Protein backbone atom coordinates (compact mmCIF):
# COMPACT_ATOMS: atom_id res chain seq x y z
CA MET A 1 -0.31 -0.35 0.02
CA LYS A 2 1.48 3.32 -1.43
CA PRO A 3 1.77 6.42 1.30
CA ARG A 4 -0.72 9.06 0.70
CA SER A 5 0.37 12.15 -0.96
CA PRO A 6 -0.07 15.31 0.94
CA SER A 7 -3.01 17.58 -0.19
CA PHE A 8 -3.10 20.53 -2.13
CA LYS A 9 -4.23 23.04 0.29
CA LYS A 10 -1.35 21.65 2.51
CA VAL A 11 1.46 21.60 0.34
CA TRP A 12 0.54 25.30 -1.26
CA GLY A 13 -2.05 26.92 1.21
CA ALA A 14 0.87 29.59 2.23
CA PRO A 15 2.61 29.88 -1.10
CA VAL A 16 -0.60 31.15 -2.57
CA ALA A 17 -1.74 33.15 0.48
CA LEU A 18 1.58 34.95 0.27
CA ALA A 19 0.57 35.65 -3.14
CA VAL A 20 -2.23 36.76 -2.93
CA LEU A 21 -0.97 38.85 -0.09
CA THR A 22 1.43 40.42 -2.63
CA CYS A 23 -0.74 41.20 -5.08
CA PHE A 24 -3.35 42.70 -3.04
CA GLY A 25 -0.67 45.36 -1.50
CA LEU A 26 0.92 46.25 -5.01
CA LEU A 27 -2.34 46.54 -6.24
CA SER A 28 -3.64 48.95 -3.32
CA ALA A 29 -0.39 51.31 -3.28
CA LEU A 30 -1.31 51.47 -7.06
CA LEU A 31 -4.48 52.57 -6.67
CA GLY A 32 -5.59 53.92 -3.75
CA THR A 33 -4.41 56.48 -1.04
CA GLY A 34 -4.74 57.16 2.11
CA ALA A 35 -5.74 54.00 4.29
CA TRP A 36 -5.00 52.03 0.97
CA HIS A 37 -1.35 53.46 1.32
CA TRP A 38 -1.56 51.33 5.41
CA ALA A 39 -2.99 48.36 4.15
CA SER A 40 -0.34 47.62 1.31
CA TRP A 41 2.62 48.44 3.81
CA LEU A 42 1.05 45.88 6.03
CA SER A 43 -0.04 43.10 3.29
CA LEU A 44 3.90 43.49 1.94
CA ALA A 45 5.12 43.18 5.17
CA ILE A 46 3.63 40.01 6.20
CA PRO A 47 5.69 37.97 2.93
CA LEU A 48 8.39 39.83 3.68
CA ALA A 49 8.56 39.08 7.25
CA THR A 50 8.08 35.36 6.82
CA GLY A 51 10.40 34.98 4.10
CA LEU A 52 13.54 36.72 6.11
CA GLY A 53 11.89 35.01 9.44
CA TYR A 54 12.83 31.57 7.09
CA TRP A 55 16.20 33.05 6.25
CA LEU A 56 17.53 34.13 9.64
CA TRP A 57 15.88 30.72 11.44
CA PRO A 58 15.79 28.33 9.20
CA ARG A 59 13.81 24.54 10.10
CA LYS A 60 15.95 21.89 10.87
CA LYS A 61 16.01 19.07 9.59
CA ALA A 62 14.32 15.78 10.16
């Protein structure tokens, strides 16, 4: 019997969420003013902080 492969959501959930946040941040920076700029900063800072966290503190190999 073959082991089950991980589900699509488990493998691609986080990268898709980060991509959606990035697209939202870029579009809100281009098209919005005022509060949209703050939303842009926040939504672009989350993927940046995630990448920085994985770069500075890499996961230990199992």
